[in-house]
């Protein structure tokens, strides 16, 4: 995860459920990160904790 100026803030640990071909992401208003995972043919939703 990077801030608006490109500085690294954190990462999302996907080790328990790996991504295979992430193609895009979106941020929801309630703090979730949604990743389009083309290799798994699904969307994965993660909670971003600061």
C-alpha atoms as a PDB file:
ATOM      1  CA  UNK A   1       0.000   0.000   0.000  1.00  0.00           C
ATOM      2  CA  UNK A   2       1.369   3.393  -0.998  1.00  0.00           C
ATOM      3  CA  UNK A   3       0.202   6.881  -0.146  1.00  0.00           C
ATOM      4  CA  UNK A   4      -0.729   9.571  -2.654  1.00  0.00           C
ATOM      5  CA  UNK A   5       2.895  10.670  -3.091  1.00  0.00           C
ATOM      6  CA  UNK A   6       4.110   7.119  -3.744  1.00  0.00           C
ATOM      7  CA  UNK A   7       5.657   6.428  -0.335  1.00  0.00           C
ATOM      8  CA  UNK A   8       5.371   2.845   0.916  1.00  0.00           C
ATOM      9  CA  UNK A   9       3.022   2.451   3.890  1.00  0.00           C
ATOM     10  CA  UNK A  10       2.325  -1.246   4.339  1.00  0.00           C
ATOM     11  CA  UNK A  11       1.602  -4.470   2.495  1.00  0.00           C
ATOM     12  CA  UNK A  12      -1.347  -6.838   2.356  1.00  0.00           C
ATOM     13  CA  UNK A  13      -0.417 -10.343   3.457  1.00  0.00           C
ATOM     14  CA  UNK A  14      -1.971 -12.819   1.005  1.00  0.00           C
ATOM     15  CA  UNK A  15       0.062 -15.867   2.075  1.00  0.00           C
ATOM     16  CA  UNK A  16      -2.974 -17.782   3.372  1.00  0.00           C
ATOM     17  CA  UNK A  17      -4.904 -17.233   0.114  1.00  0.00           C
ATOM     18  CA  UNK A  18      -2.426 -16.280  -2.655  1.00  0.00           C
ATOM     19  CA  UNK A  19      -3.253 -14.053  -5.592  1.00  0.00           C
ATOM     20  CA  UNK A  20      -2.684 -15.524  -9.063  1.00  0.00           C
ATOM     21  CA  UNK A  21      -2.791 -12.712 -11.570  1.00  0.00           C
ATOM     22  CA  UNK A  22      -4.023  -9.620  -9.744  1.00  0.00           C
ATOM     23  CA  UNK A  23      -5.297  -7.181 -12.369  1.00  0.00           C
ATOM     24  CA  UNK A  24      -6.692  -4.254 -10.423  1.00  0.00           C
ATOM     25  CA  UNK A  25      -7.920  -3.023  -7.107  1.00  0.00           C
ATOM     26  CA  UNK A  26     -10.468  -0.737  -5.563  1.00  0.00           C
ATOM     27  CA  UNK A  27     -10.834   0.815  -2.140  1.00  0.00           C
ATOM     28  CA  UNK A  28     -14.215   0.837  -0.465  1.00  0.00           C
ATOM     29  CA  UNK A  29     -15.525   3.591   1.785  1.00  0.00           C
ATOM     30  CA  UNK A  30     -15.490   1.232   4.787  1.00  0.00           C
ATOM     31  CA  UNK A  31     -11.765   0.422   4.544  1.00  0.00           C
ATOM     32  CA  UNK A  32     -11.668  -2.720   2.411  1.00  0.00           C
ATOM     33  CA  UNK A  33      -9.331  -3.403  -0.496  1.00  0.00           C
ATOM     34  CA  UNK A  34     -10.945  -5.360  -3.345  1.00  0.00           C
ATOM     35  CA  UNK A  35      -8.547  -7.118  -5.737  1.00  0.00           C
ATOM     36  CA  UNK A  36      -9.529  -8.585  -9.107  1.00  0.00           C
ATOM     37  CA  UNK A  37      -7.666 -11.917  -9.245  1.00  0.00           C
ATOM     38  CA  UNK A  38      -7.778 -13.129 -12.861  1.00  0.00           C
ATOM     39  CA  UNK A  39      -5.864 -16.349 -12.171  1.00  0.00           C
ATOM     40  CA  UNK A  40      -8.412 -17.473  -9.587  1.00  0.00           C
ATOM     41  CA  UNK A  41     -11.356 -15.956 -11.534  1.00  0.00           C
ATOM     42  CA  UNK A  42     -12.643 -14.016  -8.546  1.00  0.00           C
ATOM     43  CA  UNK A  43     -12.525 -10.855  -6.492  1.00  0.00           C
ATOM     44  CA  UNK A  44     -10.821 -10.995  -3.111  1.00  0.00           C
ATOM     45  CA  UNK A  45     -11.674  -8.585  -0.320  1.00  0.00           C
ATOM     46  CA  UNK A  46      -9.164  -7.595   2.354  1.00  0.00           C
ATOM     47  CA  UNK A  47      -9.555  -5.346   5.365  1.00  0.00           C
ATOM     48  CA  UNK A  48      -6.890  -2.646   5.433  1.00  0.00           C
ATOM     49  CA  UNK A  49      -5.683  -2.036   8.987  1.00  0.00           C
ATOM     50  CA  UNK A  50      -3.379   0.860   9.720  1.00  0.00           C
END
